[in-house]
């Protein structure tokens, strides 16, 4: 994962316990895992005051309710994107599209165009399985692109 050294050091334990290859296994809904670990991380170091990273971490451990609480107050495109992903994962596709449209208004990682965001919402909504591997893989790639993008922004 391409993260600044200080952030990577804080997150190593979480990612060792729950590597991305095992994270976000379901397209819709899941039981949250490692919530105490994320709570502890959010009280320390570089990410203690960073709501955008917090929203991403709550998604990573499948705590959609906590993610929703955090991303409702994020004013930028990345906050809107986290919000859209959260609604997609809870199965509220029209609301997900709304937030993805808001996310398109500002720069996002080059790998995630607005079309790609909406396409994944549509693909998940058509999927009859919650573990369709190629879509789960896209979901992980999307999360990684957004998390790395924000974590590497100056300031």
Foldseek 3Di string as FASTA:
>chain_A
DQFPPQVCVLCVVVCVVAPLVRWQQFQAADDFPPPVSLVVSCCDDDNVPPLLLSLLVCVRRRVLVVNCVSLVPDDALSSLQSNLSSCLRNPNLVSSLVSLVRSQVDDAQPVDHSVNSNVLSVVSNPDPGGRPPVSSVVVSVVSVRSNRVVSPDDD
